[in-house]
C-alpha atoms as a PDB file:
ATOM      1  CA  MET A   1      -1.799  -8.433 -11.898  1.00  0.00           C
ATOM      2  CA  LYS A   2       1.192  -6.636 -12.276  1.00  0.00           C
ATOM      3  CA  TYR A   3       2.076  -5.627  -8.908  1.00  0.00           C
ATOM      4  CA  GLU A   4       2.137  -8.042  -5.414  1.00  0.00           C
ATOM      5  CA  GLN A   5       1.693  -8.387  -1.665  1.00  0.00           C
ATOM      6  CA  SER A   6       4.159  -6.168   0.148  1.00  0.00           C
ATOM      7  CA  GLN A   7       5.274  -3.710  -2.575  1.00  0.00           C
ATOM      8  CA  PHE A   8       5.933  -0.474  -1.395  1.00  0.00           C
ATOM      9  CA  PHE A   9       5.349   2.792  -3.861  1.00  0.00           C
ATOM     10  CA  THR A  10       6.591   6.305  -3.238  1.00  0.00           C
ATOM     11  CA  GLU A  11       3.733   8.933  -3.989  1.00  0.00           C
ATOM     12  CA  ASN A  12       4.603  12.119  -6.106  1.00  0.00           C
ATOM     13  CA  GLU A  13       1.068  13.757  -6.402  1.00  0.00           C
ATOM     14  CA  TYR A  14      -0.061  14.459  -2.501  1.00  0.00           C
ATOM     15  CA  ASP A  15       2.870  15.999  -0.088  1.00  0.00           C
ATOM     16  CA  ASP A  16       0.750  14.618   2.994  1.00  0.00           C
ATOM     17  CA  VAL A  17       1.171  10.798   1.629  1.00  0.00           C
ATOM     18  CA  ARG A  18       4.735   9.191   2.548  1.00  0.00           C
ATOM     19  CA  GLY A  19       3.577   6.333   0.356  1.00  0.00           C
ATOM     20  CA  PHE A  20       1.593   2.847   0.468  1.00  0.00           C
ATOM     21  CA  THR A  21       2.136  -0.576   0.471  1.00  0.00           C
ATOM     22  CA  ILE A  22       0.046  -3.280  -1.449  1.00  0.00           C
ATOM     23  CA  LEU A  23      -1.774  -5.729   0.982  1.00  0.00           C
ATOM     24  CA  GLU A  24      -2.796  -8.004  -1.433  1.00  0.00           C
ATOM     25  CA  ALA A  25      -3.749  -8.081  -5.303  1.00  0.00           C
ATOM     26  CA  GLN A  26      -6.940 -10.129  -6.343  1.00  0.00           C
ATOM     27  CA  ASP A  27      -9.475  -9.721  -9.144  1.00  0.00           C
ATOM     28  CA  GLY A  28      -7.876  -7.056 -10.807  1.00  0.00           C
ATOM     29  CA  LYS A  29      -8.252  -4.953  -7.910  1.00  0.00           C
ATOM     30  CA  TYR A  30      -5.411  -4.044  -5.025  1.00  0.00           C
ATOM     31  CA  HIS A  31      -5.678  -3.561  -1.053  1.00  0.00           C
ATOM     32  CA  ILE A  32      -3.553  -0.554  -0.733  1.00  0.00           C
ATOM     33  CA  ALA A  33      -2.525   0.500   2.843  1.00  0.00           C
ATOM     34  CA  GLU A  34      -1.434   4.137   2.773  1.00  0.00           C
ATOM     35  CA  LYS A  35       0.832   6.043   5.037  1.00  0.00           C
ATOM     36  CA  TRP A  36      -0.359   9.818   5.463  1.00  0.00           C
ATOM     37  CA  LEU A  37       1.825  12.726   7.870  1.00  0.00           C
ATOM     38  CA  LYS A  38      -0.549  14.351  10.108  1.00  0.00           C
ATOM     39  CA  ASP A  39      -0.779  17.658  11.664  1.00  0.00           C
ATOM     40  CA  ASN A  40       1.738  17.064  14.443  1.00  0.00           C
ATOM     41  CA  ASN A  41       3.711  15.065  12.204  1.00  0.00           C
ATOM     42  CA  GLU A  42       3.194  11.406  13.409  1.00  0.00           C
ATOM     43  CA  ASP A  43       1.541   8.904  11.026  1.00  0.00           C
ATOM     44  CA  ALA A  44      -1.623   7.856  10.079  1.00  0.00           C
ATOM     45  CA  TRP A  45      -2.654   4.649   8.034  1.00  0.00           C
ATOM     46  CA  ILE A  46      -5.741   3.945   6.289  1.00  0.00           C
ATOM     47  CA  ASP A  47      -6.427   0.842   3.724  1.00  0.00           C
ATOM     48  CA  TYR A  48      -8.702   0.841   0.949  1.00  0.00           C
ATOM     49  CA  TRP A  49      -8.995  -1.138  -2.655  1.00  0.00           C
ATOM     50  CA  VAL A  50      -8.269   0.353  -5.735  1.00  0.00           C
ATOM     51  CA  SER A  51      -8.750  -1.316  -9.323  1.00  0.00           C
ATOM     52  CA  GLU A  52      -5.807  -2.263 -11.188  1.00  0.00           C
ATOM     53  CA  SER A  53      -6.329  -0.035 -14.100  1.00  0.00           C
ATOM     54  CA  ASP A  54      -6.422   2.828 -11.725  1.00  0.00           C
ATOM     55  CA  LEU A  55      -3.283   2.347 -10.360  1.00  0.00           C
ATOM     56  CA  LEU A  56      -1.807   1.231 -13.408  1.00  0.00           C
ATOM     57  CA  SER A  57      -2.681   4.680 -14.625  1.00  0.00           C
ATOM     58  CA  ARG A  58      -1.000   6.773 -11.949  1.00  0.00           C
ATOM     59  CA  VAL A  59       2.212   4.977 -12.292  1.00  0.00           C
ATOM     60  CA  GLU A  60       1.981   5.748 -16.042  1.00  0.00           C
ATOM     61  CA  ASN A  61       1.602   9.368 -15.169  1.00  0.00           C
ATOM     62  CA  ASP A  62       4.185   9.564 -12.513  1.00  0.00           C
ATOM     63  CA  ALA A  63       1.500  10.171  -9.576  1.00  0.00           C
ATOM     64  CA  CYS A  64       3.431   7.648  -8.130  1.00  0.00           C
ATOM     65  CA  GLU A  65       6.057   4.946  -8.481  1.00  0.00           C
ATOM     66  CA  PRO A  66       7.253   1.296  -7.454  1.00  0.00           C
ATOM     67  CA  HIS A  67      10.413   1.748  -4.958  1.00  0.00           C
ATOM     68  CA  ALA A  68      11.281  -1.478  -3.456  1.00  0.00           C
ATOM     69  CA  MET A  69       9.250  -5.009  -1.604  1.00  0.00           C
ATOM     70  CA  LEU A  70       9.043  -4.938   1.773  1.00  0.00           C
ATOM     71  CA  THR A  71      10.838  -7.388   4.296  1.00  0.00           C
ATOM     72  CA  ASP A  72       8.762  -9.634   5.870  1.00  0.00           C
ATOM     73  CA  ASN A  73       9.171  -7.224   9.316  1.00  0.00           C
ATOM     74  CA  GLN A  74       8.184  -4.080   7.502  1.00  0.00           C
ATOM     75  CA  PHE A  75       5.290  -5.935   6.008  1.00  0.00           C
ATOM     76  CA  GLU A  76       3.708  -7.125   9.197  1.00  0.00           C
ATOM     77  CA  LYS A  77       4.081  -3.669  10.661  1.00  0.00           C
ATOM     78  CA  VAL A  78       2.113  -2.140   7.850  1.00  0.00           C
ATOM     79  CA  CYS A  79      -0.703  -4.545   8.487  1.00  0.00           C
ATOM     80  CA  LYS A  80      -0.642  -4.094  12.296  1.00  0.00           C
ATOM     81  CA  ASN A  81      -1.080  -0.172  11.538  1.00  0.00           C
ATOM     82  CA  VAL A  82      -4.069  -0.751   9.352  1.00  0.00           C
ATOM     83  CA  GLY A  83      -5.882  -3.139  11.630  1.00  0.00           C
ATOM     84  CA  TRP A  84      -5.133  -6.057   8.628  1.00  0.00           C
ATOM     85  CA  ARG A  85      -3.553  -9.435   9.297  1.00  0.00           C
ATOM     86  CA  TYR A  86      -2.014 -11.959   7.482  1.00  0.00           C
ATOM     87  CA  ASP A  87      -0.165 -15.240   8.068  1.00  0.00           C
ATOM     88  CA  ASN A  88       2.937 -16.203   5.098  1.00  0.00           C
ATOM     89  CA  THR A  89       0.428 -18.486   3.465  1.00  0.00           C
ATOM     90  CA  THR A  90      -3.104 -16.589   3.365  1.00  0.00           C
ATOM     91  CA  ALA A  91      -3.947 -13.148   3.887  1.00  0.00           C
ATOM     92  CA  VAL A  92      -7.123 -12.522   5.616  1.00  0.00           C
ATOM     93  CA  THR A  93      -9.102  -9.638   7.387  1.00  0.00           C
ATOM     94  CA  ALA A  94      -9.222  -9.118  10.675  1.00  0.00           C
END
């Protein structure tokens, strides 16, 4: 897998998407947490799985780009926002 847990990406294709973070990477898939801007300027979070080939294709086409690695504190906040918990050794779904 090319990218790892807590990698943050900026979104270049959709104006309402602020960016997304990898929650976990396994078996050729990425579990993603995506931050959206709602109509009232509040943030909304969703999580979903995407294949590695789909993510790599989006990066190659400049639809999104790796930006930074989140700190442990930032990553923990993202996990809480999507209702997904982890500890420092193993990621587990809530």
